[in-house]
Structures are given as C-alpha cells and as structure tokens.
Amino acid sequence: MAQMTMVQAINNALKTELQNDEDVLIFGEDVGVNGGVFRVTEGLQKEFGEDRVFDTPLAESGIGGLALGLSTQGFRPVMEIQFLGFVFEVFDEVAGQIARTRFRAGGSKAAPITIRTPFGGGVHTPELHADNLEGILAQSPGLRVVIPSNPYDAKGLLISAIRSNDPVVYLEHMKLYRSFREEVPEEEYTVELDKASVKQEGNDITLIAYGAMVQEFLKAAEELEKDGYSVEVIDLRSVQPIDIDTLVASVEKTGRAVVVQEAQRQAGVGATVAAELSERAILSLEAPIARVAAADTVYPFTQAENVWLPNKNDIVEQAKATLEF
C-alpha cells in the first residue's frame, strides 16, 4: 500500500477508471493542462490525451448538458463543477434532467454520470466556494450524493460512482484534500455506495457525521473517552440515500445520538437523520436526538468562518448534555 492524501487517492481512482474503460471521459474548467484548481486531475490529460481529459468553457450549464448528451451515447462522463457553489448555474441539468433520465425512460435508459465538485469550509475561500449545498442535492430524487471523509474511502467510492449506472454527485471537502495521509491500495478496489461506516464502536452514545465533520467527531470522541464514555462514531459516507439501518442498529445499542453537519441547520441532512431515528428507534432512545450545525445564515466571509463552523468543542459540549440528560 501507499500513503496517500485525498487528492492523490482521487487522482488514482480517476486514472484507474480511465485505464479500465475507454468510455470514461473527464472534463470541466481547467481540468486538463492545469490539472484542476487543486491539481486533482494533474497528469491525466498528458497520459490519456485531450480526447479523454479536456477543458471546457467557463459555462457550468454547458458542462452539464455535455455530460447528459455523452451519457446517451454510451460514454461514462466524469464532469467537474469547479466549486459546489457554482452548481446553481447547472442545477437544471443536474436535478431537472440528469436526475430524471431513468424515471422518464421507464428504466430503459440510464445516466451513468459522475459529478465531482469540491466544497466545504476551513480554508478561507471567496464567496460561493465553500457553501455546503449537499442538502439541496440530496432532496433531488434520482441522484446519489456521496461525501468521503478519508483517502481510502475517497478512492473506493469514486470508482464505485463512475461504475454506477445512476448519476452520482461526488463531493470533495477541500479541507481534507491534503490534511492527512493514510494507507490506500494502489490496485483497484471499490467501496459500496449507500453504506455507512462504523469508524469506532462504543456503547454510551452514537455520533453521526459526514465529510470533514467525521474528523472533528473522532477528536471529540477522544475527549469524551477521557471522561469515561464509550463512543460509537458513524461516517454516513452517503447522504442520499442514507443507510438508516446501520444508524438504527447503533442507536438501539447506545440509546443516545448526536448528529453533526457543517451545513446550516435548517432542512439539512442532520434533520433527516434525526427524523428517521425518531420514527424507527423512539423506544430505544434515552435522550432527545441532538444536532450540531452551522447557523442559519449565508456562509460568512473568511474573517468569521472559524467562529461559524461547528468544531470539536461544540460536539463535546452537546454530547455531554445528551449523555447527562
């Protein structure tokens, strides 16, 4: 195995699928010669040529339309939206067209499209670059929405996404791109879509998160364990669909749950998780399901970003309140 950052793991996954399937195409703004803003696609155009890895005009709606058209001709497009905040410019193609292809065709046609896009706070980007819009995408029927929290999952989930016959929105948290390394197999492998991961087993409380908040959760779990608590940590990995069965099984064991999301509290993934657990595991709960989330405001400018984002201390405080309820 090799020690890889998330950027390297994603690049490796893309290279693997370009090698395995000549119908895989990668395109977006600056993904070719420059290798993308974060160099995620670095070296791929040089190795596989301009016909398979290529730049597009600065027009997100055109990128989405091209992906949909190519998918009808037997290709497996991997389109990049340079930042998730720019998805508004291509939302008709993503939610109004790509997501509905299988439904409109009565199952006779598919849209095997992977939509890659970076997002997330903690790196002081300009406006519309860090916004957490996964809740909007998760509410669009027909889309899978996947968010890896570590390099190993990043590679396996991306390979699974590209091979899926359904459209997959693959969200890459910018703070995780180069924040740590871990062992990642250099050979191909897949991580199952739609399946949560139990990162750490425990008996007293279940912590549920996704993306960069998983790393905050693991730090919070260490603090709670110093006080004698046994903490179970679950990484959703997929926010549409959500692996409710794994969450219910955990809450039935621990009796308590805290759900964390980086996005604003209103209408978020955490609200869906809390509602599902309330409906399915109410008799197992010993305390109300708690949520930790950002404030219901527009994403702040960089000067206030660190105050606005949820962090380890917020999680520890809420977890202790839930444990002591």
Protein backbone atom coordinates (compact mmCIF):
# COMPACT_ATOMS: atom_id res chain seq x y z
CA MET A 1 0.00 0.00 0.00
CA ALA A 2 0.95 3.61 -0.44
CA GLN A 3 0.47 6.58 1.86
CA MET A 4 -1.89 8.94 0.01
CA THR A 5 -3.64 12.23 0.60
CA MET A 6 -7.23 12.52 -0.55
CA VAL A 7 -6.10 14.40 -3.66
CA GLN A 8 -3.77 11.56 -4.58
CA ALA A 9 -6.41 8.92 -3.87
CA ILE A 10 -8.97 10.65 -6.07
CA ASN A 11 -6.42 11.11 -8.86
CA ASN A 12 -5.54 7.43 -8.57
CA ALA A 13 -9.22 6.43 -8.82
CA LEU A 14 -9.70 8.55 -11.94
CA LYS A 15 -6.58 7.08 -13.52
CA THR A 16 -7.80 3.56 -12.70
CA GLU A 17 -11.11 4.06 -14.44
CA LEU A 18 -9.58 5.81 -17.45
CA GLN A 19 -7.39 2.72 -17.86
CA ASN A 20 -10.23 0.25 -17.31
CA ASP A 21 -12.92 1.78 -19.53
CA GLU A 22 -12.29 3.75 -22.71
CA ASP A 23 -15.79 5.24 -22.41
CA VAL A 24 -14.80 7.19 -19.27
CA LEU A 25 -14.26 10.87 -20.08
CA ILE A 26 -13.18 13.63 -17.68
CA PHE A 27 -13.94 17.27 -18.38
CA GLY A 28 -14.53 20.61 -16.71
CA GLU A 29 -12.95 24.02 -16.22
CA ASP A 30 -9.12 23.78 -16.16
CA VAL A 31 -9.01 20.01 -15.52
CA GLY A 32 -6.70 19.38 -18.48
CA VAL A 33 -3.29 21.04 -18.70
CA ASN A 34 -3.59 22.65 -15.26
CA GLY A 35 -4.95 19.53 -13.56
CA GLY A 36 -7.77 21.47 -11.89
CA VAL A 37 -7.68 24.17 -9.23
CA PHE A 38 -6.48 21.67 -6.61
CA ARG A 39 -4.46 19.54 -9.08
CA VAL A 40 -6.83 16.59 -8.58
CA THR A 41 -6.62 15.70 -12.29
CA GLU A 42 -2.93 16.51 -12.65
CA GLY A 43 -1.14 14.43 -15.27
CA LEU A 44 -4.25 12.70 -16.59
CA GLN A 45 -4.52 14.64 -19.84
CA LYS A 46 -0.85 14.04 -20.59
CA GLU A 47 -1.30 10.29 -20.08
CA PHE A 48 -4.69 9.75 -21.72
CA GLY A 49 -4.89 12.55 -24.26
CA GLU A 50 -7.07 15.57 -24.95
CA ASP A 51 -9.93 13.47 -26.30
CA ARG A 52 -10.50 11.85 -22.90
CA VAL A 53 -9.44 14.56 -20.42
CA PHE A 54 -10.26 18.04 -21.60
CA ASP A 55 -11.09 21.60 -20.61
CA THR A 56 -14.48 23.17 -21.17
CA PRO A 57 -15.59 26.79 -21.49
CA LEU A 58 -16.46 28.59 -18.24
CA ALA A 59 -20.11 27.60 -18.51
CA GLU A 60 -21.44 25.14 -15.95
CA SER A 61 -24.74 24.66 -17.79
CA GLY A 62 -22.77 23.63 -20.85
CA ILE A 63 -20.75 21.11 -18.82
CA GLY A 64 -23.94 19.51 -17.54
CA GLY A 65 -25.56 19.42 -20.95
CA LEU A 66 -22.45 17.86 -22.49
CA ALA A 67 -22.40 15.17 -19.78
CA LEU A 68 -26.03 14.28 -20.35
CA GLY A 69 -25.60 14.10 -24.11
CA LEU A 70 -22.48 11.95 -23.87
CA SER A 71 -24.21 9.56 -21.46
CA THR A 72 -26.91 8.89 -24.05
CA GLN A 73 -24.19 7.78 -26.50
CA GLY A 74 -22.61 5.14 -24.30
CA PHE A 75 -19.99 7.22 -22.52
CA ARG A 76 -19.42 7.49 -18.76
CA PRO A 77 -18.76 11.20 -18.21
CA VAL A 78 -16.98 12.46 -15.11
CA MET A 79 -17.82 16.15 -15.09
CA GLU A 80 -16.26 18.61 -12.67
CA ILE A 81 -18.02 21.67 -11.31
CA GLN A 82 -15.12 23.77 -10.10
CA PHE A 83 -16.79 24.59 -6.75
CA LEU A 84 -20.09 23.35 -5.34
CA GLY A 85 -21.39 26.92 -5.03
CA PHE A 86 -21.42 27.07 -8.83
CA VAL A 87 -23.98 24.24 -9.02
CA PHE A 88 -26.75 26.82 -9.20
CA GLU A 89 -25.61 27.55 -12.77
CA VAL A 90 -26.11 23.90 -13.76
CA PHE A 91 -28.97 22.91 -11.47
CA ASP A 92 -31.48 22.43 -14.26
CA GLU A 93 -29.22 19.92 -15.99
CA VAL A 94 -28.37 18.11 -12.72
CA ALA A 95 -31.73 17.99 -10.95
CA GLY A 96 -34.10 18.70 -13.81
CA GLN A 97 -32.57 16.48 -16.50
CA ILE A 98 -29.79 14.09 -15.37
CA ALA A 99 -31.57 13.01 -12.18
CA ARG A 100 -34.81 12.23 -14.05
CA THR A 101 -33.44 10.30 -17.01
CA ARG A 102 -34.16 6.80 -15.68
CA PHE A 103 -37.65 7.81 -14.49
CA ARG A 104 -38.59 9.49 -17.77
CA ALA A 105 -37.41 6.48 -19.76
CA GLY A 106 -39.27 3.98 -17.59
CA GLY A 107 -35.98 2.35 -16.64
CA SER A 108 -34.92 1.75 -20.25
CA LYS A 109 -32.19 4.41 -20.14
CA ALA A 110 -29.68 5.46 -17.51
CA ALA A 111 -27.42 8.44 -16.87
CA PRO A 112 -24.05 6.99 -15.73
CA ILE A 113 -22.64 10.42 -14.88
CA THR A 114 -20.32 11.31 -12.01
CA ILE A 115 -20.44 14.94 -10.90
CA ARG A 116 -17.27 15.83 -8.99
CA THR A 117 -17.08 19.09 -7.09
CA PRO A 118 -15.10 20.49 -4.11
CA PHE A 119 -16.85 22.22 -1.22
CA GLY A 120 -16.53 22.96 2.48
CA GLY A 121 -15.10 25.43 4.95
CA GLY A 122 -11.94 25.91 6.90
CA VAL A 123 -9.71 27.01 4.02
CA HIS A 124 -10.81 30.65 3.71
CA THR A 125 -12.11 30.66 0.16
CA PRO A 126 -14.04 33.52 -1.50
CA GLU A 127 -17.82 33.70 -1.51
CA LEU A 128 -19.72 30.80 -3.17
CA HIS A 129 -16.72 28.47 -2.99
CA ALA A 130 -17.21 26.80 0.41
CA ASP A 131 -21.02 26.55 0.58
CA ASN A 132 -22.45 23.27 1.86
CA LEU A 133 -25.27 22.54 -0.59
CA GLU A 134 -25.49 18.78 -0.16
CA GLY A 135 -28.98 19.11 1.35
CA ILE A 136 -30.34 20.65 -1.83
CA LEU A 137 -28.86 17.87 -3.94
CA ALA A 138 -29.99 15.16 -1.52
CA GLN A 139 -33.57 16.36 -1.94
CA SER A 140 -33.40 15.82 -5.72
CA PRO A 141 -34.78 12.32 -6.45
CA GLY A 142 -32.65 10.29 -8.84
CA LEU A 143 -29.27 11.41 -7.53
CA ARG A 144 -26.87 9.62 -5.25
CA VAL A 145 -24.87 12.05 -3.11
CA VAL A 146 -21.54 10.74 -1.77
CA ILE A 147 -19.12 12.51 0.59
CA PRO A 148 -15.87 10.72 1.58
CA SER A 149 -14.08 11.65 4.81
CA ASN A 150 -10.72 9.97 4.18
CA PRO A 151 -8.40 8.92 1.32
CA TYR A 152 -9.24 5.18 1.43
CA ASP A 153 -12.98 5.80 1.04
CA ALA A 154 -12.34 8.56 -1.48
CA LYS A 155 -10.74 6.16 -3.96
CA GLY A 156 -13.13 3.26 -3.46
CA LEU A 157 -16.27 5.38 -3.51
CA LEU A 158 -15.20 7.26 -6.65
CA ILE A 159 -14.54 4.04 -8.56
CA SER A 160 -17.97 2.78 -7.48
CA ALA A 161 -19.54 6.08 -8.51
CA ILE A 162 -18.03 6.00 -12.00
CA ARG A 163 -19.18 2.41 -12.48
CA SER A 164 -22.71 3.17 -11.27
CA ASN A 165 -25.44 3.43 -13.90
CA ASP A 166 -27.13 6.12 -11.82
CA PRO A 167 -25.87 9.69 -11.58
CA VAL A 168 -23.66 10.26 -8.53
CA VAL A 169 -22.77 13.64 -7.05
CA TYR A 170 -19.33 13.13 -5.52
CA LEU A 171 -18.46 15.90 -3.07
CA GLU A 172 -14.84 16.52 -2.06
CA HIS A 173 -14.25 18.55 1.08
CA MET A 174 -11.44 21.00 0.40
CA LYS A 175 -10.07 20.89 3.94
CA LEU A 176 -9.49 17.15 3.60
CA TYR A 177 -7.61 17.29 0.29
CA ARG A 178 -4.14 17.43 1.86
CA SER A 179 -4.77 17.48 5.61
CA PHE A 180 -3.57 13.92 6.27
CA ARG A 181 -2.38 10.71 4.63
CA GLU A 182 -3.37 7.10 5.13
CA GLU A 183 -2.71 3.73 3.55
CA VAL A 184 -4.53 3.28 0.23
CA PRO A 185 -4.13 0.22 -2.01
CA GLU A 186 -2.55 1.08 -5.33
CA GLU A 187 -4.58 -1.62 -7.07
CA GLU A 188 -8.27 -1.07 -7.86
CA TYR A 189 -10.96 -1.68 -5.25
CA THR A 190 -14.45 -0.40 -4.56
CA VAL A 191 -16.31 0.87 -1.51
CA GLU A 192 -20.03 0.10 -1.55
CA LEU A 193 -22.30 3.05 -2.28
CA ASP A 194 -25.22 3.81 0.08
CA LYS A 195 -23.45 2.18 3.06
CA ALA A 196 -22.34 3.98 6.23
CA SER A 197 -19.11 3.13 8.02
CA VAL A 198 -18.79 2.49 11.75
CA LYS A 199 -15.47 4.22 12.38
CA GLN A 200 -15.38 3.38 16.07
CA GLU A 201 -17.58 1.15 18.23
CA GLY A 202 -18.98 2.22 21.57
CA ASN A 203 -21.88 1.73 23.97
CA ASP A 204 -22.88 5.06 25.53
CA ILE A 205 -23.61 7.40 22.63
CA THR A 206 -23.68 7.43 18.81
CA LEU A 207 -22.03 10.30 16.95
CA ILE A 208 -23.12 10.61 13.31
CA ALA A 209 -21.42 12.82 10.72
CA TYR A 210 -20.02 13.00 7.19
CA GLY A 211 -17.21 14.72 5.34
CA ALA A 212 -14.79 16.87 7.37
CA MET A 213 -17.01 16.66 10.46
CA VAL A 214 -16.04 13.00 10.83
CA GLN A 215 -12.51 14.11 11.68
CA GLU A 216 -13.91 16.56 14.26
CA PHE A 217 -16.03 13.73 15.64
CA LEU A 218 -13.04 11.48 16.13
CA LYS A 219 -11.29 14.25 18.09
CA ALA A 220 -14.42 14.77 20.16
CA ALA A 221 -14.66 11.04 20.85
CA GLU A 222 -11.13 11.09 22.27
CA GLU A 223 -12.10 13.88 24.66
CA LEU A 224 -15.27 12.08 25.76
CA GLU A 225 -13.40 8.84 26.33
CA LYS A 226 -11.05 10.64 28.74
CA ASP A 227 -14.15 11.19 30.88
CA GLY A 228 -15.00 7.51 30.75
CA TYR A 229 -17.62 7.49 27.98
CA SER A 230 -17.76 4.78 25.32
CA VAL A 231 -18.44 6.47 21.98
CA GLU A 232 -19.62 5.00 18.68
CA VAL A 233 -18.70 7.07 15.62
CA ILE A 234 -20.51 6.60 12.30
CA ASP A 235 -19.48 8.13 8.96
CA LEU A 236 -22.53 8.37 6.69
CA ARG A 237 -20.40 8.44 3.51
CA SER A 238 -23.65 8.72 1.54
CA VAL A 239 -26.23 11.43 2.33
CA GLN A 240 -28.60 10.25 -0.39
CA PRO A 241 -29.62 7.57 0.21
CA ILE A 242 -28.84 7.36 3.92
CA ASP A 243 -28.01 3.99 5.44
CA ILE A 244 -30.70 4.18 8.12
CA ASP A 245 -30.40 0.51 9.12
CA THR A 246 -26.82 0.99 10.37
CA LEU A 247 -27.85 4.09 12.32
CA VAL A 248 -30.86 2.42 13.92
CA ALA A 249 -28.80 -0.59 14.99
CA SER A 250 -26.29 1.73 16.66
CA VAL A 251 -28.90 3.83 18.48
CA GLU A 252 -30.70 0.72 19.67
CA LYS A 253 -27.40 -0.19 21.35
CA THR A 254 -26.35 3.19 22.76
CA GLY A 255 -29.71 4.90 23.39
CA ARG A 256 -28.34 8.34 22.52
CA ALA A 257 -27.33 10.15 19.33
CA VAL A 258 -25.75 13.41 18.21
CA VAL A 259 -25.83 14.31 14.51
CA VAL A 260 -23.31 16.81 13.16
CA GLN A 261 -23.25 18.65 9.84
CA GLU A 262 -21.14 21.53 8.64
CA ALA A 263 -24.08 22.95 6.70
CA GLN A 264 -26.72 25.29 8.09
CA ARG A 265 -29.19 23.64 10.49
CA GLN A 266 -32.39 24.31 8.53
CA ALA A 267 -33.56 21.46 6.26
CA GLY A 268 -30.22 19.68 6.38
CA VAL A 269 -29.10 16.07 6.27
CA GLY A 270 -28.97 16.03 10.08
CA ALA A 271 -32.67 16.85 10.28
CA THR A 272 -33.48 13.86 8.07
CA VAL A 273 -31.32 11.55 10.17
CA ALA A 274 -32.92 12.79 13.39
CA ALA A 275 -36.43 12.34 12.00
CA GLU A 276 -35.74 8.82 10.74
CA LEU A 277 -34.23 7.76 14.06
CA SER A 278 -37.13 9.26 15.97
CA GLU A 279 -39.61 7.30 13.87
CA ARG A 280 -37.72 4.00 13.88
CA ALA A 281 -35.93 3.88 17.25
CA ILE A 282 -38.02 6.02 19.61
CA LEU A 283 -38.38 3.25 22.19
CA SER A 284 -34.61 2.83 22.37
CA LEU A 285 -33.84 6.49 22.99
CA GLU A 286 -32.88 7.66 26.47
CA ALA A 287 -32.44 11.29 25.45
CA PRO A 288 -33.58 13.58 22.63
CA ILE A 289 -31.56 13.31 19.43
CA ALA A 290 -29.25 16.31 19.32
CA ARG A 291 -27.93 18.21 16.33
CA VAL A 292 -24.81 20.31 15.90
CA ALA A 293 -24.79 22.51 12.80
CA ALA A 294 -23.82 25.90 11.46
CA ALA A 295 -26.06 28.91 11.96
CA ASP A 296 -28.91 29.58 9.54
CA THR A 297 -27.15 32.43 7.78
CA VAL A 298 -25.44 32.94 4.46
CA TYR A 299 -21.95 31.42 4.58
CA PRO A 300 -19.80 34.11 6.24
CA PHE A 301 -16.79 35.90 4.90
CA THR A 302 -13.42 34.42 5.82
CA GLN A 303 -12.92 36.63 8.90
CA ALA A 304 -15.82 34.90 10.67
CA GLU A 305 -15.50 31.43 9.15
CA ASN A 306 -13.85 29.73 12.12
CA VAL A 307 -16.47 31.09 14.52
CA TRP A 308 -19.33 29.99 12.27
CA LEU A 309 -18.20 26.42 11.59
CA PRO A 310 -19.02 23.63 14.08
CA ASN A 311 -15.96 22.21 15.81
CA LYS A 312 -14.77 19.60 18.31
CA ASN A 313 -15.71 21.72 21.32
CA ASP A 314 -19.28 22.18 20.07
CA ILE A 315 -19.59 18.43 19.62
CA VAL A 316 -18.18 17.59 23.06
CA GLU A 317 -20.48 20.11 24.75
CA GLN A 318 -23.60 18.75 23.02
CA ALA A 319 -22.58 15.12 23.55
CA LYS A 320 -22.14 15.69 27.30
CA ALA A 321 -25.53 17.38 27.51
CA THR A 322 -27.07 14.37 25.78
CA LEU A 323 -25.22 11.89 28.00
CA GLU A 324 -26.31 13.72 31.15
CA PHE A 325 -29.93 14.23 30.08
